[in-house]
Amino acid sequence: MMSEKLTLSELFALFGRTTDDTRWVGSADSEEYLAVVTYLVQRSSTR
């Protein structure tokens, strides 16, 4: 099984942010983290 990595740019794009918003990562709320986890789980199960 080959795994594809989610780039930082792709992660930021999920929330409509740019890579200039690096300070956002440390202050993401639980809903944002849950959305990322949900996305990654769905992404991996469709492959």
PDB file of N, CA and C in Angstrom:
ATOM      1  N   MET A   1       0.849  -1.184   0.000  1.00  0.00           N
ATOM      2  CA  MET A   1       0.000   0.000   0.000  1.00  0.00           C
ATOM      3  C   MET A   1       0.888   1.239   0.000  1.00  0.00           C
ATOM      4  N   MET A   2       0.682   2.090  -0.976  1.00  0.00           N
ATOM      5  CA  MET A   2       1.441   3.337  -1.039  1.00  0.00           C
ATOM      6  C   MET A   2       0.658   4.429  -0.317  1.00  0.00           C
ATOM      7  N   SER A   3       1.342   5.145   0.522  1.00  0.00           N
ATOM      8  CA  SER A   3       0.651   6.229   1.216  1.00  0.00           C
ATOM      9  C   SER A   3       1.044   7.558   0.589  1.00  0.00           C
ATOM     10  N   GLU A   4       0.058   8.407   0.441  1.00  0.00           N
ATOM     11  CA  GLU A   4       0.321   9.746  -0.069  1.00  0.00           C
ATOM     12  C   GLU A   4       0.281  10.704   1.095  1.00  0.00           C
ATOM     13  N   LYS A   5       1.200  11.630   1.099  1.00  0.00           N
ATOM     14  CA  LYS A   5       1.262  12.589   2.187  1.00  0.00           C
ATOM     15  C   LYS A   5       0.407  13.802   1.872  1.00  0.00           C
ATOM     16  N   LEU A   6      -0.195  14.341   2.895  1.00  0.00           N
ATOM     17  CA  LEU A   6      -0.954  15.580   2.778  1.00  0.00           C
ATOM     18  C   LEU A   6       0.032  16.720   2.987  1.00  0.00           C
ATOM     19  N   THR A   7       0.170  17.561   1.998  1.00  0.00           N
ATOM     20  CA  THR A   7       1.117  18.668   2.125  1.00  0.00           C
ATOM     21  C   THR A   7       0.536  19.756   3.011  1.00  0.00           C
ATOM     22  N   LEU A   8       1.392  20.598   3.504  1.00  0.00           N
ATOM     23  CA  LEU A   8       0.948  21.711   4.329  1.00  0.00           C
ATOM     24  C   LEU A   8       0.019  22.620   3.535  1.00  0.00           C
ATOM     25  N   SER A   9       0.313  22.822   2.286  1.00  0.00           N
ATOM     26  CA  SER A   9      -0.547  23.653   1.435  1.00  0.00           C
ATOM     27  C   SER A   9      -1.939  23.043   1.300  1.00  0.00           C
ATOM     28  N   GLU A  10      -2.005  21.717   1.145  1.00  0.00           N
ATOM     29  CA  GLU A  10      -3.305  21.043   1.049  1.00  0.00           C
ATOM     30  C   GLU A  10      -4.076  21.143   2.356  1.00  0.00           C
ATOM     31  N   LEU A  11      -3.370  20.980   3.466  1.00  0.00           N
ATOM     32  CA  LEU A  11      -4.004  21.112   4.779  1.00  0.00           C
ATOM     33  C   LEU A  11      -4.599  22.503   4.950  1.00  0.00           C
ATOM     34  N   PHE A  12      -3.838  23.516   4.640  1.00  0.00           N
ATOM     35  CA  PHE A  12      -4.330  24.882   4.771  1.00  0.00           C
ATOM     36  C   PHE A  12      -5.503  25.137   3.834  1.00  0.00           C
ATOM     37  N   ALA A  13      -5.437  24.573   2.619  1.00  0.00           N
ATOM     38  CA  ALA A  13      -6.506  24.779   1.648  1.00  0.00           C
ATOM     39  C   ALA A  13      -7.827  24.195   2.136  1.00  0.00           C
ATOM     40  N   LEU A  14      -7.773  23.131   2.942  1.00  0.00           N
ATOM     41  CA  LEU A  14      -9.004  22.556   3.488  1.00  0.00           C
ATOM     42  C   LEU A  14      -9.792  23.580   4.293  1.00  0.00           C
ATOM     43  N   PHE A  15      -9.091  24.549   4.870  1.00  0.00           N
ATOM     44  CA  PHE A  15      -9.723  25.558   5.707  1.00  0.00           C
ATOM     45  C   PHE A  15      -9.688  26.945   5.079  1.00  0.00           C
ATOM     46  N   GLY A  16      -9.391  26.999   3.781  1.00  0.00           N
ATOM     47  CA  GLY A  16      -9.385  28.272   3.084  1.00  0.00           C
ATOM     48  C   GLY A  16      -8.281  29.204   3.555  1.00  0.00           C
ATOM     49  N   ARG A  17      -7.175  28.638   3.966  1.00  0.00           N
ATOM     50  CA  ARG A  17      -6.047  29.438   4.443  1.00  0.00           C
ATOM     51  C   ARG A  17      -4.866  29.262   3.510  1.00  0.00           C
ATOM     52  N   THR A  18      -3.878  30.122   3.661  1.00  0.00           N
ATOM     53  CA  THR A  18      -2.666  30.030   2.847  1.00  0.00           C
ATOM     54  C   THR A  18      -1.495  29.632   3.732  1.00  0.00           C
ATOM     55  N   THR A  19      -0.386  29.301   3.108  1.00  0.00           N
ATOM     56  CA  THR A  19       0.791  28.916   3.882  1.00  0.00           C
ATOM     57  C   THR A  19       1.368  30.096   4.665  1.00  0.00           C
ATOM     58  N   ASP A  20       0.896  31.289   4.398  1.00  0.00           N
ATOM     59  CA  ASP A  20       1.314  32.448   5.187  1.00  0.00           C
ATOM     60  C   ASP A  20       0.666  32.443   6.568  1.00  0.00           C
ATOM     61  N   ASP A  21      -0.337  31.598   6.763  1.00  0.00           N
ATOM     62  CA  ASP A  21      -1.072  31.534   8.026  1.00  0.00           C
ATOM     63  C   ASP A  21      -0.495  30.485   8.976  1.00  0.00           C
ATOM     64  N   THR A  22       0.829  30.345   9.025  1.00  0.00           N
ATOM     65  CA  THR A  22       1.435  29.269   9.814  1.00  0.00           C
ATOM     66  C   THR A  22       1.102  29.357  11.296  1.00  0.00           C
ATOM     67  N   ARG A  23       0.859  30.535  11.821  1.00  0.00           N
ATOM     68  CA  ARG A  23       0.518  30.658  13.244  1.00  0.00           C
ATOM     69  C   ARG A  23      -0.824  30.009  13.551  1.00  0.00           C
ATOM     70  N   TRP A  24      -1.675  29.845  12.544  1.00  0.00           N
ATOM     71  CA  TRP A  24      -2.985  29.244  12.735  1.00  0.00           C
ATOM     72  C   TRP A  24      -2.893  27.805  13.221  1.00  0.00           C
ATOM     73  N   VAL A  25      -1.899  27.053  12.760  1.00  0.00           N
ATOM     74  CA  VAL A  25      -1.811  25.628  13.069  1.00  0.00           C
ATOM     75  C   VAL A  25      -1.816  25.386  14.573  1.00  0.00           C
ATOM     76  N   GLY A  26      -1.081  26.161  15.312  1.00  0.00           N
ATOM     77  CA  GLY A  26      -1.017  25.996  16.763  1.00  0.00           C
ATOM     78  C   GLY A  26      -2.284  26.406  17.484  1.00  0.00           C
ATOM     79  N   SER A  27      -3.140  27.164  16.820  1.00  0.00           N
ATOM     80  CA  SER A  27      -4.353  27.644  17.485  1.00  0.00           C
ATOM     81  C   SER A  27      -5.630  27.061  16.874  1.00  0.00           C
ATOM     82  N   ALA A  28      -5.484  26.008  16.088  1.00  0.00           N
ATOM     83  CA  ALA A  28      -6.662  25.367  15.496  1.00  0.00           C
ATOM     84  C   ALA A  28      -7.524  24.785  16.607  1.00  0.00           C
ATOM     85  N   ASP A  29      -8.820  24.898  16.437  1.00  0.00           N
ATOM     86  CA  ASP A  29      -9.711  24.364  17.475  1.00  0.00           C
ATOM     87  C   ASP A  29     -10.021  22.899  17.227  1.00  0.00           C
ATOM     88  N   SER A  30     -10.713  22.281  18.146  1.00  0.00           N
ATOM     89  CA  SER A  30     -10.977  20.844  18.056  1.00  0.00           C
ATOM     90  C   SER A  30     -11.790  20.483  16.822  1.00  0.00           C
ATOM     91  N   GLU A  31     -12.689  21.345  16.393  1.00  0.00           N
ATOM     92  CA  GLU A  31     -13.478  21.053  15.189  1.00  0.00           C
ATOM     93  C   GLU A  31     -12.590  21.004  13.949  1.00  0.00           C
ATOM     94  N   GLU A  32     -11.606  21.895  13.894  1.00  0.00           N
ATOM     95  CA  GLU A  32     -10.693  21.897  12.753  1.00  0.00           C
ATOM     96  C   GLU A  32      -9.838  20.638  12.750  1.00  0.00           C
ATOM     97  N   TYR A  33      -9.336  20.235  13.906  1.00  0.00           N
ATOM     98  CA  TYR A  33      -8.554  19.003  13.977  1.00  0.00           C
ATOM     99  C   TYR A  33      -9.409  17.796  13.619  1.00  0.00           C
ATOM    100  N   LEU A  34     -10.632  17.763  14.089  1.00  0.00           N
ATOM    101  CA  LEU A  34     -11.539  16.664  13.765  1.00  0.00           C
ATOM    102  C   LEU A  34     -11.803  16.607  12.262  1.00  0.00           C
ATOM    103  N   ALA A  35     -11.964  17.750  11.639  1.00  0.00           N
ATOM    104  CA  ALA A  35     -12.189  17.795  10.194  1.00  0.00           C
ATOM    105  C   ALA A  35     -10.991  17.222   9.440  1.00  0.00           C
ATOM    106  N   VAL A  36      -9.789  17.524   9.900  1.00  0.00           N
ATOM    107  CA  VAL A  36      -8.591  16.991   9.248  1.00  0.00           C
ATOM    108  C   VAL A  36      -8.533  15.476   9.400  1.00  0.00           C
ATOM    109  N   VAL A  37      -8.773  14.997  10.607  1.00  0.00           N
ATOM    110  CA  VAL A  37      -8.746  13.549  10.846  1.00  0.00           C
ATOM    111  C   VAL A  37      -9.807  12.850  10.006  1.00  0.00           C
ATOM    112  N   THR A  38     -11.004  13.398   9.975  1.00  0.00           N
ATOM    113  CA  THR A  38     -12.088  12.814   9.178  1.00  0.00           C
ATOM    114  C   THR A  38     -11.700  12.771   7.702  1.00  0.00           C
ATOM    115  N   TYR A  39     -11.131  13.847   7.207  1.00  0.00           N
ATOM    116  CA  TYR A  39     -10.695  13.903   5.812  1.00  0.00           C
ATOM    117  C   TYR A  39      -9.648  12.829   5.531  1.00  0.00           C
ATOM    118  N   LEU A  40      -8.665  12.699   6.413  1.00  0.00           N
ATOM    119  CA  LEU A  40      -7.601  11.728   6.195  1.00  0.00           C
ATOM    120  C   LEU A  40      -8.118  10.297   6.240  1.00  0.00           C
ATOM    121  N   VAL A  41      -9.038  10.014   7.139  1.00  0.00           N
ATOM    122  CA  VAL A  41      -9.611   8.674   7.234  1.00  0.00           C
ATOM    123  C   VAL A  41     -10.405   8.352   5.967  1.00  0.00           C
ATOM    124  N   GLN A  42     -11.221   9.290   5.518  1.00  0.00           N
ATOM    125  CA  GLN A  42     -12.002   9.061   4.296  1.00  0.00           C
ATOM    126  C   GLN A  42     -11.091   8.916   3.092  1.00  0.00           C
ATOM    127  N   ARG A  43     -10.056   9.718   3.040  1.00  0.00           N
ATOM    128  CA  ARG A  43      -9.122   9.684   1.934  1.00  0.00           C
ATOM    129  C   ARG A  43      -8.407   8.336   1.873  1.00  0.00           C
ATOM    130  N   SER A  44      -8.011   7.818   3.034  1.00  0.00           N
ATOM    131  CA  SER A  44      -7.290   6.552   3.040  1.00  0.00           C
ATOM    132  C   SER A  44      -8.211   5.364   2.774  1.00  0.00           C
ATOM    133  N   SER A  45      -9.480   5.463   3.144  1.00  0.00           N
ATOM    134  CA  SER A  45     -10.384   4.336   2.930  1.00  0.00           C
ATOM    135  C   SER A  45     -10.861   4.220   1.489  1.00  0.00           C
ATOM    136  N   THR A  46     -10.722   5.279   0.716  1.00  0.00           N
ATOM    137  CA  THR A  46     -11.151   5.235  -0.688  1.00  0.00           C
ATOM    138  C   THR A  46     -10.047   4.752  -1.607  1.00  0.00           C
ATOM    139  N   ARG A  47      -8.907   4.465  -1.083  1.00  0.00           N
ATOM    140  CA  ARG A  47      -7.764   4.024  -1.914  1.00  0.00           C
ATOM    141  C   ARG A  47      -7.571   2.560  -1.864  1.00  0.00           C
TER     142      ARG A  47
END
